[in-house]
Amino acid sequence: MIVKIFVIVSTMTLLTGCHVLEADESDQEVLEESAQDRIDESEELLTDEEKRQRQLMDALPKTVSSSDWELILVNNDYPLPEQFEVELKEVEPEKWIDERIADNYMALRDMASENGHRLFFASGYRSVERQQANYDRSINSYIEQGHSKEEARALTEDYIAIPNHSEHHTGLALDIVDQEWIADGNGLVPEYDTQMSQQWLIETAPAFGFILRYPEGKEEVTGINYESWHFRYVGKESAVYIHEHELVLEEYIELLESRENKSKLTEQNG
């Protein structure tokens, strides 16, 4: 009799355990469905711009950080860091750039030549002192044309960065046009974008780590007017991403920082 009772109790325990297991699995499915429903609802509440920002963040290169050396941000709001130093390499007579990007520039130059575009390297690294001289010269020129000092400064800063705020101080910026453009008496002007070499550069340079730094339509973000000749090294992964998504460096760094801040919050709450 005792044995029979034991068998019955054991059987009931096993059956009960099965029901509990089935209930646990069912509850888990309900929880997952509920969580997905909340995600779907939150997605519907997002504006188009918020959805785009989320998509941009999801597509960011996984191993890139906003603190990477090639993403240093120097503009009217961010001066060159104190004690900044860069090792330079001469890639054209009396034209220098950061030695870490020299191979990429020369490879781009060689490929341009193979495609019938003879590049003219107008400017690379520029010291703060030389930038100051260019800045002062431009202001004086506008004053001589009859502009006030304030007007002259504003007109100058449309195209010339404030000394100690120029990307050229980093050795990562290149002013490039083609030799035919220069030979025809042209200079660094927006109309360079009428040349096939400029269009070729925009499409090809990202594969070598370079982007058109100050594109048309982004003046409010960069603080600099459209410069069809100014290219900047940011690294290959970043350059391809920036080009594909039609961003500028300021917008890209903001996305990277948002991802990094989100990751920190997750770790703190985790």
Protein backbone atom coordinates (compact mmCIF):
# COMPACT_ATOMS: atom_id res chain seq x y z
CA MET A 1 0.00 0.00 0.00
CA ILE A 2 2.81 2.37 0.89
CA VAL A 3 4.50 1.65 -2.42
CA LYS A 4 1.33 2.45 -4.36
CA ILE A 5 0.94 5.78 -2.58
CA PHE A 6 4.57 6.65 -3.33
CA VAL A 7 4.10 5.87 -7.02
CA ILE A 8 0.94 7.97 -7.19
CA VAL A 9 2.60 10.93 -5.42
CA SER A 10 5.70 10.70 -7.63
CA THR A 11 3.57 10.60 -10.74
CA MET A 12 1.58 13.65 -9.62
CA THR A 13 4.82 15.51 -8.86
CA LEU A 14 6.19 14.81 -12.32
CA LEU A 15 2.95 15.87 -13.96
CA THR A 16 2.82 19.01 -11.88
CA GLY A 17 6.43 19.77 -12.81
CA CYS A 18 5.55 19.45 -16.50
CA HIS A 19 2.70 21.89 -16.08
CA VAL A 20 4.96 24.34 -14.26
CA LEU A 21 7.56 24.04 -17.02
CA GLU A 22 4.92 24.58 -19.67
CA ALA A 23 3.61 27.60 -17.75
CA ASP A 24 7.09 29.08 -17.41
CA GLU A 25 7.71 28.76 -21.16
CA SER A 26 4.32 30.26 -21.92
CA ASP A 27 4.93 33.17 -19.55
CA GLN A 28 8.31 33.79 -21.17
CA GLU A 29 6.71 33.95 -24.61
CA VAL A 30 4.13 36.43 -23.32
CA LEU A 31 6.86 38.59 -21.81
CA GLU A 32 8.86 38.56 -25.04
CA GLU A 33 5.79 39.43 -27.10
CA SER A 34 4.94 42.24 -24.67
CA ALA A 35 8.48 43.63 -24.86
CA GLN A 36 8.39 43.51 -28.66
CA ASP A 37 5.02 45.27 -28.66
CA ARG A 38 6.50 48.06 -26.53
CA ILE A 39 9.45 48.36 -28.90
CA ASP A 40 7.12 48.51 -31.89
CA GLU A 41 4.99 51.16 -30.18
CA SER A 42 8.06 53.26 -29.32
CA GLU A 43 9.23 52.99 -32.93
CA GLU A 44 5.90 54.34 -34.14
CA LEU A 45 6.24 57.35 -31.83
CA LEU A 46 9.64 58.32 -33.28
CA THR A 47 9.83 61.18 -35.75
CA ASP A 48 11.41 60.58 -39.14
CA GLU A 49 14.53 62.42 -37.98
CA GLU A 50 14.76 60.28 -34.84
CA LYS A 51 14.40 57.13 -36.92
CA ARG A 52 17.15 58.34 -39.24
CA GLN A 53 19.43 59.07 -36.27
CA ARG A 54 18.83 55.58 -34.90
CA GLN A 55 19.60 54.03 -38.28
CA LEU A 56 22.77 56.10 -38.57
CA MET A 57 23.94 55.01 -35.13
CA ASP A 58 23.22 51.35 -35.87
CA ALA A 59 25.32 51.59 -39.05
CA LEU A 60 28.35 53.24 -37.42
CA PRO A 61 31.69 51.43 -37.82
CA LYS A 62 32.02 49.16 -34.79
CA THR A 63 35.68 49.78 -33.96
CA VAL A 64 35.85 53.56 -34.47
CA SER A 65 35.99 55.93 -31.48
CA SER A 66 35.46 59.69 -31.36
CA SER A 67 38.88 59.96 -29.68
CA ASP A 68 40.80 58.34 -32.59
CA TRP A 69 43.69 60.54 -33.73
CA GLU A 70 42.45 60.86 -37.31
CA LEU A 71 39.11 62.29 -36.10
CA ILE A 72 40.57 65.27 -34.26
CA LEU A 73 38.08 68.14 -34.60
CA VAL A 74 39.51 71.60 -35.22
CA ASN A 75 37.08 74.33 -36.25
CA ASN A 76 35.89 77.78 -35.17
CA ASP A 77 34.53 76.31 -31.92
CA TYR A 78 37.34 73.84 -31.21
CA PRO A 79 40.91 75.18 -31.27
CA LEU A 80 43.98 73.09 -31.84
CA PRO A 81 44.74 71.26 -28.56
CA GLU A 82 47.53 72.74 -26.46
CA GLN A 83 50.89 71.03 -26.86
CA PHE A 84 49.70 69.48 -30.14
CA GLU A 85 52.52 67.90 -32.13
CA VAL A 86 52.60 66.12 -35.45
CA GLU A 87 55.32 64.28 -37.34
CA LEU A 88 55.34 65.60 -40.90
CA LYS A 89 56.43 64.15 -44.23
CA GLU A 90 57.19 66.13 -47.37
CA VAL A 91 55.05 64.71 -50.19
CA GLU A 92 55.52 67.55 -52.68
CA PRO A 93 58.28 70.17 -52.79
CA GLU A 94 57.82 72.24 -49.61
CA LYS A 95 54.42 70.63 -48.96
CA TRP A 96 54.00 68.53 -45.83
CA ILE A 97 51.29 66.37 -44.26
CA ASP A 98 51.02 64.05 -41.26
CA GLU A 99 53.42 61.20 -42.01
CA ARG A 100 50.76 58.65 -41.00
CA ILE A 101 48.60 59.59 -44.00
CA ALA A 102 51.36 60.08 -46.57
CA ASP A 103 51.06 56.61 -48.12
CA ASN A 104 47.30 57.05 -48.51
CA TYR A 105 47.69 60.43 -50.18
CA MET A 106 50.36 59.20 -52.58
CA ALA A 107 48.27 56.15 -53.48
CA LEU A 108 45.31 58.43 -54.20
CA ARG A 109 47.51 60.74 -56.27
CA ASP A 110 48.87 57.80 -58.29
CA MET A 111 45.41 56.42 -58.95
CA ALA A 112 44.23 59.86 -60.04
CA SER A 113 47.10 60.01 -62.51
CA GLU A 114 46.19 56.55 -63.85
CA ASN A 115 42.68 57.87 -64.47
CA GLY A 116 43.89 60.95 -66.32
CA HIS A 117 43.74 63.47 -63.45
CA ARG A 118 47.04 65.17 -62.64
CA LEU A 119 46.57 66.55 -59.16
CA PHE A 120 47.99 69.84 -57.96
CA PHE A 121 48.75 69.89 -54.24
CA ALA A 122 47.98 73.49 -53.27
CA SER A 123 48.39 73.29 -49.52
CA GLY A 124 48.87 70.81 -46.70
CA TYR A 125 50.22 71.42 -43.21
CA ARG A 126 50.17 75.07 -42.21
CA SER A 127 51.64 76.51 -39.03
CA VAL A 128 49.61 78.80 -36.78
CA GLU A 129 51.96 81.66 -37.71
CA ARG A 130 51.40 81.17 -41.43
CA GLN A 131 47.65 80.92 -40.88
CA GLN A 132 47.76 84.20 -38.97
CA ALA A 133 49.58 85.85 -41.88
CA ASN A 134 46.97 84.56 -44.37
CA TYR A 135 44.15 85.69 -42.09
CA ASP A 136 45.57 89.19 -41.61
CA ARG A 137 46.32 89.56 -45.32
CA SER A 138 42.73 88.71 -46.23
CA ILE A 139 41.28 91.15 -43.70
CA ASN A 140 43.54 93.96 -44.94
CA SER A 141 42.56 93.21 -48.54
CA TYR A 142 38.84 93.55 -47.75
CA ILE A 143 39.47 96.77 -45.82
CA GLU A 144 41.30 98.20 -48.83
CA GLN A 145 38.20 97.37 -50.90
CA GLY A 146 36.15 99.63 -48.63
CA HIS A 147 34.77 97.17 -46.07
CA SER A 148 34.74 97.90 -42.36
CA LYS A 149 37.03 95.87 -40.10
CA GLU A 150 34.05 93.85 -38.85
CA GLU A 151 32.86 93.15 -42.40
CA ALA A 152 36.40 92.26 -43.49
CA ARG A 153 36.73 89.78 -40.63
CA ALA A 154 33.37 88.16 -41.40
CA LEU A 155 34.17 87.86 -45.11
CA THR A 156 37.59 86.40 -44.33
CA GLU A 157 36.19 83.79 -41.97
CA ASP A 158 33.83 82.52 -44.66
CA TYR A 159 36.82 80.77 -46.20
CA ILE A 160 39.83 81.21 -43.92
CA ALA A 161 39.79 79.61 -40.49
CA ILE A 162 40.71 81.63 -37.44
CA PRO A 163 44.39 81.09 -36.56
CA ASN A 164 44.77 78.12 -34.19
CA HIS A 165 41.39 76.87 -35.45
CA SER A 166 42.45 75.63 -38.89
CA GLU A 167 42.44 71.97 -39.91
CA HIS A 168 45.66 72.64 -41.78
CA HIS A 169 47.44 72.83 -38.40
CA THR A 170 46.76 69.10 -37.94
CA GLY A 171 48.54 67.93 -41.09
CA LEU A 172 45.39 65.99 -42.02
CA ALA A 173 43.92 68.55 -44.45
CA LEU A 174 44.78 68.87 -48.14
CA ASP A 175 43.85 71.55 -50.64
CA ILE A 176 43.82 69.76 -54.01
CA VAL A 177 42.84 70.79 -57.53
CA ASP A 178 44.19 69.61 -60.86
CA GLN A 179 47.14 70.96 -62.80
CA GLU A 180 45.05 71.97 -65.81
CA TRP A 181 42.82 74.08 -63.56
CA ILE A 182 45.84 75.97 -62.24
CA ALA A 183 47.45 76.25 -65.67
CA ASP A 184 44.30 77.97 -66.94
CA GLY A 185 44.75 80.68 -64.33
CA ASN A 186 42.20 79.42 -61.80
CA GLY A 187 42.63 79.19 -58.06
CA LEU A 188 40.90 77.66 -55.05
CA VAL A 189 37.32 78.60 -55.86
CA PRO A 190 34.01 76.69 -55.61
CA GLU A 191 33.81 76.45 -59.40
CA TYR A 192 36.50 73.79 -59.30
CA ASP A 193 33.57 71.39 -58.89
CA THR A 194 32.92 71.76 -62.63
CA GLN A 195 35.99 69.63 -63.25
CA MET A 196 35.85 65.86 -63.66
CA SER A 197 38.89 65.52 -61.40
CA GLN A 198 36.97 67.04 -58.48
CA GLN A 199 34.00 64.74 -59.01
CA TRP A 200 36.36 61.78 -59.33
CA LEU A 201 38.04 62.76 -56.06
CA ILE A 202 34.75 62.99 -54.17
CA GLU A 203 33.78 59.48 -55.24
CA THR A 204 37.21 57.85 -54.97
CA ALA A 205 38.95 59.58 -52.05
CA PRO A 206 36.90 57.85 -49.30
CA ALA A 207 38.47 54.48 -50.19
CA PHE A 208 41.81 56.09 -49.25
CA GLY A 209 40.47 57.71 -46.08
CA PHE A 210 39.69 61.21 -47.37
CA ILE A 211 36.43 63.19 -47.50
CA LEU A 212 35.40 66.52 -48.98
CA ARG A 213 35.48 68.43 -45.71
CA TYR A 214 33.25 71.44 -46.42
CA PRO A 215 30.48 70.35 -48.81
CA GLU A 216 27.80 72.61 -50.19
CA GLY A 217 24.69 72.85 -48.00
CA LYS A 218 26.50 72.12 -44.72
CA GLU A 219 27.80 75.62 -44.02
CA GLU A 220 25.75 76.06 -40.85
CA VAL A 221 27.26 72.89 -39.40
CA THR A 222 30.89 73.40 -40.39
CA GLY A 223 31.00 77.19 -40.04
CA ILE A 224 32.93 77.35 -43.33
CA ASN A 225 31.59 78.10 -46.79
CA TYR A 226 31.61 75.43 -49.49
CA GLU A 227 35.18 74.48 -50.45
CA SER A 228 35.30 72.16 -53.43
CA TRP A 229 39.07 71.70 -53.05
CA HIS A 230 39.51 70.95 -49.34
CA PHE A 231 39.88 67.27 -48.43
CA ARG A 232 40.48 65.80 -44.99
CA TYR A 233 41.83 62.44 -43.82
CA VAL A 234 39.53 60.68 -41.33
CA GLY A 235 40.44 57.01 -41.87
CA LYS A 236 39.02 54.62 -44.44
CA GLU A 237 36.06 53.21 -42.48
CA SER A 238 34.97 56.65 -41.34
CA ALA A 239 35.44 58.22 -44.78
CA VAL A 240 33.30 55.60 -46.50
CA TYR A 241 30.57 55.96 -43.86
CA ILE A 242 30.59 59.79 -43.97
CA HIS A 243 30.45 59.80 -47.76
CA GLU A 244 27.68 57.20 -48.03
CA HIS A 245 25.48 59.01 -45.49
CA GLU A 246 26.26 62.53 -46.74
CA LEU A 247 27.52 63.77 -43.37
CA VAL A 248 30.26 66.14 -42.28
CA LEU A 249 32.85 65.46 -39.60
CA GLU A 250 30.96 67.38 -36.90
CA GLU A 251 27.83 65.27 -37.44
CA TYR A 252 29.82 62.04 -37.51
CA ILE A 253 31.63 62.77 -34.26
CA GLU A 254 28.32 63.67 -32.62
CA LEU A 255 26.94 60.26 -33.60
CA LEU A 256 30.00 58.48 -32.24
CA GLU A 257 29.78 60.38 -28.96
CA SER A 258 26.07 59.56 -28.65
CA ARG A 259 26.85 55.87 -29.08
CA GLU A 260 29.64 56.06 -26.52
CA ASN A 261 27.44 57.90 -23.98
CA LYS A 262 24.68 55.35 -24.48
CA SER A 263 27.16 52.53 -23.91
CA LYS A 264 28.39 54.15 -20.68
CA LEU A 265 24.84 54.51 -19.37
CA THR A 266 24.13 50.87 -20.18
CA GLU A 267 27.24 49.77 -18.27
CA GLN A 268 26.33 51.95 -15.27
CA ASN A 269 22.80 50.57 -15.15
CA GLY A 270 23.83 47.05 -15.99
